[in-house]
Amino acid sequence: PKDGLTIGAFARDMPLMGIMGANSAVQFDPRKFVWLGSASSSANDSYLLFLRKDAPVKNWEEATKPGGPTFVISGTAEGATGNDVAILLRETIGLNVRIITGYPDSGVMFLAVDRKEVDGRFVGLSAVSAAKPDWLKPDSNMRVILQFGRQERNKLFPDAPTARELAKDDRGRALISLAELPYQLSRPMVAPPGVPADRARALQDAFMSMQSDKDYLEEAVKLGLDVSPVAGSAALPLIEQLASTPRELIDQLKKLQHPDK
């Protein structure tokens, strides 16, 4: 319904998938949505590679050493962020990773790590803060190896380099930069195309008002969620930036993450 009463939230990588055309289930043009904004620009968040301290590798040097030991992470299915990031970094920084797919959700993947079924996983800092805060304690059995989705290191993990730092060449850096663009709209919300302009503005204004609401912010702190909002007026230019990426670069990323497409 295009009456302003129905809105949607989805994973941050959906706009990129829509532009790539890599998944037949993604049948939309993200540029046509009425963008309400994003609750997070990942300003205080990070997408992190967590590994158990008893994993075969102890740091990013070992994790990317040519011919070095392979470590195993959990994943869900094609198109999921953890899977695609791991595949991308295997190509661009030489990450010695093997991915076990088929896990149904994030909670089960956390459990798989705790049960030693796998060595670790890619996951957002805010998700860990909310679901597995013990992973962040000084005496935790987990360590952060590297960071994705950021141009600079998160100050909480000064010894974990960013993916851009580890890229082997300009091509790798460009592919990483393209894949990281959606993180600037990390928790997006939209209304359908065709919502009347006055209702769209009301929704956009309400969305941004919510970001400074006292109760909302208190709840976000309790859940360990990053609140660094992006207004709807700033969201669409980011989507346009994605869409204006040279097709050659988009096709390279598509081939890496979806080789059968």
C-alpha atoms as a PDB file:
ATOM      1  CA  PRO A   1       0.000   0.000   0.000  1.00  0.00           C
ATOM      2  CA  LYS A   2       1.245   3.448  -0.993  1.00  0.00           C
ATOM      3  CA  ASP A   3      -0.729   5.378   1.594  1.00  0.00           C
ATOM      4  CA  GLY A   4       2.086   6.029   4.078  1.00  0.00           C
ATOM      5  CA  LEU A   5       0.831   3.414   6.551  1.00  0.00           C
ATOM      6  CA  THR A   6       3.197   0.669   5.410  1.00  0.00           C
ATOM      7  CA  ILE A   7       6.970   0.966   5.747  1.00  0.00           C
ATOM      8  CA  GLY A   8       9.800  -1.530   5.442  1.00  0.00           C
ATOM      9  CA  ALA A   9      13.149  -2.364   6.981  1.00  0.00           C
ATOM     10  CA  PHE A  10      15.693  -4.682   5.420  1.00  0.00           C
ATOM     11  CA  ALA A  11      19.339  -5.719   5.468  1.00  0.00           C
ATOM     12  CA  ARG A  12      21.865  -3.073   4.474  1.00  0.00           C
ATOM     13  CA  ASP A  13      23.170  -5.125   1.543  1.00  0.00           C
ATOM     14  CA  MET A  14      19.786  -5.290  -0.221  1.00  0.00           C
ATOM     15  CA  PRO A  15      20.254  -2.027  -2.185  1.00  0.00           C
ATOM     16  CA  LEU A  16      23.599  -3.243  -3.526  1.00  0.00           C
ATOM     17  CA  MET A  17      22.075  -6.590  -4.455  1.00  0.00           C
ATOM     18  CA  GLY A  18      19.264  -4.790  -6.281  1.00  0.00           C
ATOM     19  CA  ILE A  19      21.785  -2.792  -8.304  1.00  0.00           C
ATOM     20  CA  MET A  20      24.016  -5.801  -8.963  1.00  0.00           C
ATOM     21  CA  GLY A  21      21.139  -7.934 -10.236  1.00  0.00           C
ATOM     22  CA  ALA A  22      22.807 -11.017  -8.802  1.00  0.00           C
ATOM     23  CA  ASN A  23      19.827 -12.570  -7.049  1.00  0.00           C
ATOM     24  CA  SER A  24      16.571 -13.354  -8.834  1.00  0.00           C
ATOM     25  CA  ALA A  25      14.694 -12.882  -5.556  1.00  0.00           C
ATOM     26  CA  VAL A  26      15.744  -9.222  -5.387  1.00  0.00           C
ATOM     27  CA  GLN A  27      13.275  -7.632  -7.783  1.00  0.00           C
ATOM     28  CA  PHE A  28      13.384  -3.913  -7.044  1.00  0.00           C
ATOM     29  CA  ASP A  29      15.195  -0.703  -7.876  1.00  0.00           C
ATOM     30  CA  PRO A  30      16.363   0.846  -4.572  1.00  0.00           C
ATOM     31  CA  ARG A  31      16.413   4.304  -6.163  1.00  0.00           C
ATOM     32  CA  LYS A  32      12.608   4.262  -6.422  1.00  0.00           C
ATOM     33  CA  PHE A  33      11.907   3.809  -2.717  1.00  0.00           C
ATOM     34  CA  VAL A  34      10.912   6.701  -0.475  1.00  0.00           C
ATOM     35  CA  TRP A  35      13.911   6.670   1.839  1.00  0.00           C
ATOM     36  CA  LEU A  36      13.021   7.518   5.431  1.00  0.00           C
ATOM     37  CA  GLY A  37      16.642   7.217   6.524  1.00  0.00           C
ATOM     38  CA  SER A  38      18.883   4.877   8.467  1.00  0.00           C
ATOM     39  CA  ALA A  39      19.145   4.538  12.223  1.00  0.00           C
ATOM     40  CA  SER A  40      22.864   3.867  11.883  1.00  0.00           C
ATOM     41  CA  SER A  41      25.670   5.029   9.618  1.00  0.00           C
ATOM     42  CA  SER A  42      28.067   2.614  11.370  1.00  0.00           C
ATOM     43  CA  ALA A  43      29.873   5.632  12.797  1.00  0.00           C
ATOM     44  CA  ASN A  44      30.283   3.816  16.109  1.00  0.00           C
ATOM     45  CA  ASP A  45      29.805   0.298  14.784  1.00  0.00           C
ATOM     46  CA  SER A  46      32.109  -2.147  13.028  1.00  0.00           C
ATOM     47  CA  TYR A  47      31.658  -5.384  11.121  1.00  0.00           C
ATOM     48  CA  LEU A  48      34.196  -7.627  12.795  1.00  0.00           C
ATOM     49  CA  LEU A  49      35.854 -10.975  12.304  1.00  0.00           C
ATOM     50  CA  PHE A  50      35.715 -12.696  15.687  1.00  0.00           C
ATOM     51  CA  LEU A  51      37.753 -15.870  16.154  1.00  0.00           C
ATOM     52  CA  ARG A  52      38.095 -18.131  19.152  1.00  0.00           C
ATOM     53  CA  LYS A  53      41.441 -17.844  20.922  1.00  0.00           C
ATOM     54  CA  ASP A  54      42.002 -21.548  20.259  1.00  0.00           C
ATOM     55  CA  ALA A  55      41.479 -21.097  16.493  1.00  0.00           C
ATOM     56  CA  PRO A  56      44.297 -22.081  14.090  1.00  0.00           C
ATOM     57  CA  VAL A  57      45.203 -18.394  13.580  1.00  0.00           C
ATOM     58  CA  LYS A  58      45.865 -15.808  16.286  1.00  0.00           C
ATOM     59  CA  ASN A  59      46.065 -12.532  14.348  1.00  0.00           C
ATOM     60  CA  TRP A  60      45.499 -10.946  10.949  1.00  0.00           C
ATOM     61  CA  GLU A  61      49.054 -11.767   9.809  1.00  0.00           C
ATOM     62  CA  GLU A  62      48.428 -15.488  10.247  1.00  0.00           C
ATOM     63  CA  ALA A  63      44.906 -15.196   8.839  1.00  0.00           C
ATOM     64  CA  THR A  64      46.228 -13.753   5.560  1.00  0.00           C
ATOM     65  CA  LYS A  65      49.578 -15.574   5.294  1.00  0.00           C
ATOM     66  CA  PRO A  66      49.954 -17.271   1.892  1.00  0.00           C
ATOM     67  CA  GLY A  67      49.750 -21.004   2.443  1.00  0.00           C
ATOM     68  CA  GLY A  68      48.904 -20.457   6.100  1.00  0.00           C
ATOM     69  CA  PRO A  69      46.371 -22.403   8.144  1.00  0.00           C
ATOM     70  CA  THR A  70      42.695 -22.187   7.205  1.00  0.00           C
ATOM     71  CA  PHE A  71      40.068 -21.224   9.742  1.00  0.00           C
ATOM     72  CA  VAL A  72      36.354 -22.002   9.558  1.00  0.00           C
ATOM     73  CA  ILE A  73      33.449 -19.587  10.025  1.00  0.00           C
ATOM     74  CA  SER A  74      29.684 -20.022   9.988  1.00  0.00           C
ATOM     75  CA  GLY A  75      27.333 -18.533   7.418  1.00  0.00           C
ATOM     76  CA  THR A  76      23.708 -18.623   6.376  1.00  0.00           C
ATOM     77  CA  ALA A  77      23.189 -18.474   2.608  1.00  0.00           C
ATOM     78  CA  GLU A  78      24.114 -16.655  -0.577  1.00  0.00           C
ATOM     79  CA  GLY A  79      23.643 -12.927  -0.245  1.00  0.00           C
ATOM     80  CA  ALA A  80      24.088 -12.871   3.516  1.00  0.00           C
ATOM     81  CA  THR A  81      26.589 -10.267   4.644  1.00  0.00           C
ATOM     82  CA  GLY A  82      28.882 -12.654   6.508  1.00  0.00           C
ATOM     83  CA  ASN A  83      29.174 -14.961   3.519  1.00  0.00           C
ATOM     84  CA  ASP A  84      29.765 -12.225   0.959  1.00  0.00           C
ATOM     85  CA  VAL A  85      32.308 -10.350   3.064  1.00  0.00           C
ATOM     86  CA  ALA A  86      34.301 -13.526   3.684  1.00  0.00           C
ATOM     87  CA  ILE A  87      34.319 -14.376  -0.023  1.00  0.00           C
ATOM     88  CA  LEU A  88      35.364 -10.846  -0.938  1.00  0.00           C
ATOM     89  CA  LEU A  89      38.210 -10.780   1.583  1.00  0.00           C
ATOM     90  CA  ARG A  90      39.409 -14.205   0.527  1.00  0.00           C
ATOM     91  CA  GLU A  91      39.965 -12.679  -2.913  1.00  0.00           C
ATOM     92  CA  THR A  92      41.193  -9.193  -2.013  1.00  0.00           C
ATOM     93  CA  ILE A  93      43.364  -9.692   1.071  1.00  0.00           C
ATOM     94  CA  GLY A  94      44.070 -13.429   0.865  1.00  0.00           C
ATOM     95  CA  LEU A  95      41.985 -14.401   3.902  1.00  0.00           C
ATOM     96  CA  ASN A  96      42.495 -18.111   4.590  1.00  0.00           C
ATOM     97  CA  VAL A  97      38.847 -18.778   5.355  1.00  0.00           C
ATOM     98  CA  ARG A  98      36.426 -21.640   4.767  1.00  0.00           C
ATOM     99  CA  ILE A  99      32.709 -20.934   5.115  1.00  0.00           C
ATOM    100  CA  ILE A 100      30.170 -23.456   6.395  1.00  0.00           C
ATOM    101  CA  THR A 101      26.770 -22.286   5.168  1.00  0.00           C
ATOM    102  CA  GLY A 102      23.275 -23.392   6.098  1.00  0.00           C
ATOM    103  CA  TYR A 103      22.942 -21.918   9.568  1.00  0.00           C
ATOM    104  CA  PRO A 104      19.388 -20.539   9.912  1.00  0.00           C
ATOM    105  CA  ASP A 105      20.042 -17.377  11.892  1.00  0.00           C
ATOM    106  CA  SER A 106      22.482 -15.305  13.921  1.00  0.00           C
ATOM    107  CA  GLY A 107      21.622 -16.924  17.248  1.00  0.00           C
ATOM    108  CA  VAL A 108      22.476 -20.368  15.941  1.00  0.00           C
ATOM    109  CA  MET A 109      25.746 -19.045  14.509  1.00  0.00           C
ATOM    110  CA  PHE A 110      26.725 -17.615  17.900  1.00  0.00           C
ATOM    111  CA  LEU A 111      25.973 -21.006  19.411  1.00  0.00           C
ATOM    112  CA  ALA A 112      28.069 -22.769  16.767  1.00  0.00           C
ATOM    113  CA  VAL A 113      31.091 -20.711  17.782  1.00  0.00           C
ATOM    114  CA  ASP A 114      30.539 -21.380  21.492  1.00  0.00           C
ATOM    115  CA  ARG A 115      30.201 -25.109  20.773  1.00  0.00           C
ATOM    116  CA  LYS A 116      33.426 -25.084  18.720  1.00  0.00           C
ATOM    117  CA  GLU A 117      31.652 -26.234  15.578  1.00  0.00           C
ATOM    118  CA  VAL A 118      33.421 -23.352  13.834  1.00  0.00           C
ATOM    119  CA  ASP A 119      36.312 -21.071  14.724  1.00  0.00           C
ATOM    120  CA  GLY A 120      34.370 -17.799  14.542  1.00  0.00           C
ATOM    121  CA  ARG A 121      32.164 -15.546  12.459  1.00  0.00           C
ATOM    122  CA  PHE A 122      31.783 -12.120  10.893  1.00  0.00           C
ATOM    123  CA  VAL A 123      29.306 -10.051  12.896  1.00  0.00           C
ATOM    124  CA  GLY A 124      28.519  -6.442  13.746  1.00  0.00           C
ATOM    125  CA  LEU A 125      29.739  -4.922  16.994  1.00  0.00           C
ATOM    126  CA  SER A 126      26.220  -3.753  17.846  1.00  0.00           C
ATOM    127  CA  ALA A 127      24.877  -7.284  17.357  1.00  0.00           C
ATOM    128  CA  VAL A 128      27.543  -8.682  19.677  1.00  0.00           C
ATOM    129  CA  SER A 129      26.850  -5.976  22.258  1.00  0.00           C
ATOM    130  CA  ALA A 130      23.182  -6.926  22.222  1.00  0.00           C
ATOM    131  CA  ALA A 131      23.366 -10.727  21.955  1.00  0.00           C
ATOM    132  CA  LYS A 132      26.817 -11.829  23.195  1.00  0.00           C
ATOM    133  CA  PRO A 133      28.310  -9.086  25.391  1.00  0.00           C
ATOM    134  CA  ASP A 134      30.565 -11.658  27.053  1.00  0.00           C
ATOM    135  CA  TRP A 135      32.540 -11.794  23.781  1.00  0.00           C
ATOM    136  CA  LEU A 136      33.668  -8.232  24.493  1.00  0.00           C
ATOM    137  CA  LYS A 137      34.911  -8.804  28.035  1.00  0.00           C
ATOM    138  CA  PRO A 138      38.683  -8.733  28.750  1.00  0.00           C
ATOM    139  CA  ASP A 139      38.639 -12.398  29.792  1.00  0.00           C
ATOM    140  CA  SER A 140      36.644 -13.470  26.718  1.00  0.00           C
ATOM    141  CA  ASN A 141      37.661 -16.508  24.716  1.00  0.00           C
ATOM    142  CA  MET A 142      37.214 -14.436  21.537  1.00  0.00           C
ATOM    143  CA  ARG A 143      39.504 -12.028  19.729  1.00  0.00           C
ATOM    144  CA  VAL A 144      38.891  -9.514  16.943  1.00  0.00           C
ATOM    145  CA  ILE A 145      41.099 -10.147  13.905  1.00  0.00           C
ATOM    146  CA  LEU A 146      40.044  -7.418  11.463  1.00  0.00           C
ATOM    147  CA  GLN A 147      37.356  -4.834  10.719  1.00  0.00           C
ATOM    148  CA  PHE A 148      35.116  -4.241   7.718  1.00  0.00           C
ATOM    149  CA  GLY A 149      32.756  -1.429   6.795  1.00  0.00           C
ATOM    150  CA  ARG A 150      35.015   1.339   8.103  1.00  0.00           C
ATOM    151  CA  GLN A 151      37.618   3.627   6.592  1.00  0.00           C
ATOM    152  CA  GLU A 152      39.420   3.944   9.924  1.00  0.00           C
ATOM    153  CA  ARG A 153      39.885   1.548  12.814  1.00  0.00           C
ATOM    154  CA  ASN A 154      37.279   1.566  15.538  1.00  0.00           C
ATOM    155  CA  LYS A 155      39.060   2.956  18.599  1.00  0.00           C
ATOM    156  CA  LEU A 156      37.803  -0.014  20.634  1.00  0.00           C
ATOM    157  CA  PHE A 157      39.948  -2.327  18.492  1.00  0.00           C
ATOM    158  CA  PRO A 158      43.129  -0.389  17.690  1.00  0.00           C
ATOM    159  CA  ASP A 159      45.127  -3.523  16.850  1.00  0.00           C
ATOM    160  CA  ALA A 160      42.614  -4.901  14.335  1.00  0.00           C
ATOM    161  CA  PRO A 161      43.267  -3.430  10.863  1.00  0.00           C
ATOM    162  CA  THR A 162      40.559  -2.461   8.416  1.00  0.00           C
ATOM    163  CA  ALA A 163      40.035  -4.448   5.228  1.00  0.00           C
ATOM    164  CA  ARG A 164      41.110  -1.428   3.193  1.00  0.00           C
ATOM    165  CA  GLU A 165      44.460  -1.407   4.986  1.00  0.00           C
ATOM    166  CA  LEU A 166      45.038  -5.037   4.035  1.00  0.00           C
ATOM    167  CA  ALA A 167      44.009  -4.804   0.373  1.00  0.00           C
ATOM    168  CA  LYS A 168      46.775  -6.056  -1.887  1.00  0.00           C
ATOM    169  CA  ASP A 169      46.206  -3.572  -4.726  1.00  0.00           C
ATOM    170  CA  ASP A 170      44.018  -0.754  -6.040  1.00  0.00           C
ATOM    171  CA  ARG A 171      41.509  -3.199  -7.542  1.00  0.00           C
ATOM    172  CA  GLY A 172      41.059  -4.912  -4.200  1.00  0.00           C
ATOM    173  CA  ARG A 173      40.668  -1.591  -2.417  1.00  0.00           C
ATOM    174  CA  ALA A 174      38.058  -0.459  -4.946  1.00  0.00           C
ATOM    175  CA  LEU A 175      36.049  -3.675  -4.525  1.00  0.00           C
ATOM    176  CA  ILE A 176      36.183  -3.370  -0.741  1.00  0.00           C
ATOM    177  CA  SER A 177      35.134   0.287  -0.896  1.00  0.00           C
ATOM    178  CA  LEU A 178      32.162  -0.618  -3.097  1.00  0.00           C
ATOM    179  CA  ALA A 179      31.060  -3.421  -0.769  1.00  0.00           C
ATOM    180  CA  GLU A 180      31.411  -1.118   2.248  1.00  0.00           C
ATOM    181  CA  LEU A 181      29.139   1.636   0.885  1.00  0.00           C
ATOM    182  CA  PRO A 182      25.938   0.009   2.244  1.00  0.00           C
ATOM    183  CA  TYR A 183      27.326   0.233   5.780  1.00  0.00           C
ATOM    184  CA  GLN A 184      26.680   3.964   5.683  1.00  0.00           C
ATOM    185  CA  LEU A 185      22.993   2.959   5.632  1.00  0.00           C
ATOM    186  CA  SER A 186      23.361   0.162   8.107  1.00  0.00           C
ATOM    187  CA  ARG A 187      19.750   0.020   9.378  1.00  0.00           C
ATOM    188  CA  PRO A 188      17.638   1.427   6.547  1.00  0.00           C
ATOM    189  CA  MET A 189      13.904   2.110   6.523  1.00  0.00           C
ATOM    190  CA  VAL A 190      11.820   2.969   3.477  1.00  0.00           C
ATOM    191  CA  ALA A 191       8.297   3.585   2.282  1.00  0.00           C
ATOM    192  CA  PRO A 192       7.081   2.276  -1.089  1.00  0.00           C
ATOM    193  CA  PRO A 193       7.458   4.195  -4.331  1.00  0.00           C
ATOM    194  CA  GLY A 194       4.540   6.474  -4.994  1.00  0.00           C
ATOM    195  CA  VAL A 195       3.700   7.584  -1.456  1.00  0.00           C
ATOM    196  CA  PRO A 196       2.199  11.109  -1.642  1.00  0.00           C
ATOM    197  CA  ALA A 197       4.846  13.765  -1.078  1.00  0.00           C
ATOM    198  CA  ASP A 198       3.258  15.243   2.052  1.00  0.00           C
ATOM    199  CA  ARG A 199       3.025  11.837   3.713  1.00  0.00           C
ATOM    200  CA  ALA A 200       6.583  10.982   2.684  1.00  0.00           C
ATOM    201  CA  ARG A 201       7.850  14.186   4.312  1.00  0.00           C
ATOM    202  CA  ALA A 202       5.841  13.450   7.465  1.00  0.00           C
ATOM    203  CA  LEU A 203       7.376   9.980   7.695  1.00  0.00           C
ATOM    204  CA  GLN A 204      10.890  11.312   7.093  1.00  0.00           C
ATOM    205  CA  ASP A 205      10.452  14.020   9.732  1.00  0.00           C
ATOM    206  CA  ALA A 206       9.040  11.499  12.207  1.00  0.00           C
ATOM    207  CA  PHE A 207      11.904   9.107  11.567  1.00  0.00           C
ATOM    208  CA  MET A 208      14.499  11.750  12.377  1.00  0.00           C
ATOM    209  CA  SER A 209      12.546  12.959  15.418  1.00  0.00           C
ATOM    210  CA  MET A 210      12.607   9.409  16.713  1.00  0.00           C
ATOM    211  CA  GLN A 211      16.416   9.422  16.599  1.00  0.00           C
ATOM    212  CA  SER A 212      16.527  12.065  19.355  1.00  0.00           C
ATOM    213  CA  ASP A 213      13.659  10.677  21.435  1.00  0.00           C
ATOM    214  CA  LYS A 214      14.743  10.107  25.036  1.00  0.00           C
ATOM    215  CA  ASP A 215      13.019   6.727  25.463  1.00  0.00           C
ATOM    216  CA  TYR A 216      14.303   5.515  22.101  1.00  0.00           C
ATOM    217  CA  LEU A 217      17.895   6.438  22.946  1.00  0.00           C
ATOM    218  CA  GLU A 218      17.679   4.821  26.378  1.00  0.00           C
ATOM    219  CA  GLU A 219      16.415   1.604  24.802  1.00  0.00           C
ATOM    220  CA  ALA A 220      19.203   1.682  22.206  1.00  0.00           C
ATOM    221  CA  VAL A 221      21.800   1.985  24.979  1.00  0.00           C
ATOM    222  CA  LYS A 222      20.279  -1.007  26.798  1.00  0.00           C
ATOM    223  CA  LEU A 223      20.443  -3.066  23.602  1.00  0.00           C
ATOM    224  CA  GLY A 224      23.937  -1.891  22.679  1.00  0.00           C
ATOM    225  CA  LEU A 225      22.745  -0.489  19.344  1.00  0.00           C
ATOM    226  CA  ASP A 226      24.561   2.234  17.442  1.00  0.00           C
ATOM    227  CA  VAL A 227      22.477   5.363  16.897  1.00  0.00           C
ATOM    228  CA  SER A 228      24.156   7.530  14.255  1.00  0.00           C
ATOM    229  CA  PRO A 229      21.220   8.419  12.007  1.00  0.00           C
ATOM    230  CA  VAL A 230      21.180   9.309   8.342  1.00  0.00           C
ATOM    231  CA  ALA A 231      18.266  11.409   7.083  1.00  0.00           C
ATOM    232  CA  GLY A 232      16.228  10.313   4.094  1.00  0.00           C
ATOM    233  CA  SER A 233      17.495  13.301   2.112  1.00  0.00           C
ATOM    234  CA  ALA A 234      21.050  12.020   2.587  1.00  0.00           C
ATOM    235  CA  ALA A 235      20.219   8.362   1.971  1.00  0.00           C
ATOM    236  CA  LEU A 236      19.195   8.616  -1.666  1.00  0.00           C
ATOM    237  CA  PRO A 237      22.490  10.234  -2.780  1.00  0.00           C
ATOM    238  CA  LEU A 238      24.312   7.258  -1.271  1.00  0.00           C
ATOM    239  CA  ILE A 239      22.096   4.906  -3.260  1.00  0.00           C
ATOM    240  CA  GLU A 240      22.752   6.961  -6.389  1.00  0.00           C
ATOM    241  CA  GLN A 241      26.478   6.681  -5.651  1.00  0.00           C
ATOM    242  CA  LEU A 242      26.103   2.913  -5.589  1.00  0.00           C
ATOM    243  CA  ALA A 243      24.164   2.960  -8.838  1.00  0.00           C
ATOM    244  CA  SER A 244      26.733   5.199 -10.573  1.00  0.00           C
ATOM    245  CA  THR A 245      29.614   2.837  -9.790  1.00  0.00           C
ATOM    246  CA  PRO A 246      31.293   1.719 -13.029  1.00  0.00           C
ATOM    247  CA  ARG A 247      29.530  -1.420 -14.255  1.00  0.00           C
ATOM    248  CA  GLU A 248      32.870  -3.190 -14.636  1.00  0.00           C
ATOM    249  CA  LEU A 249      33.526  -2.894 -10.902  1.00  0.00           C
ATOM    250  CA  ILE A 250      29.993  -4.002 -10.014  1.00  0.00           C
ATOM    251  CA  ASP A 251      30.346  -7.008 -12.314  1.00  0.00           C
ATOM    252  CA  GLN A 252      33.665  -7.941 -10.682  1.00  0.00           C
ATOM    253  CA  LEU A 253      32.036  -7.920  -7.256  1.00  0.00           C
ATOM    254  CA  LYS A 254      29.049  -9.848  -8.603  1.00  0.00           C
ATOM    255  CA  LYS A 255      31.309 -12.506 -10.109  1.00  0.00           C
ATOM    256  CA  LEU A 256      33.182 -12.909  -6.839  1.00  0.00           C
ATOM    257  CA  GLN A 257      30.149 -13.226  -4.605  1.00  0.00           C
ATOM    258  CA  HIS A 258      27.801 -14.915  -7.068  1.00  0.00           C
ATOM    259  CA  PRO A 259      30.012 -16.864  -9.521  1.00  0.00           C
ATOM    260  CA  ASP A 260      27.080 -18.829 -10.983  1.00  0.00           C
ATOM    261  CA  LYS A 261      25.088 -15.722 -11.938  1.00  0.00           C
END
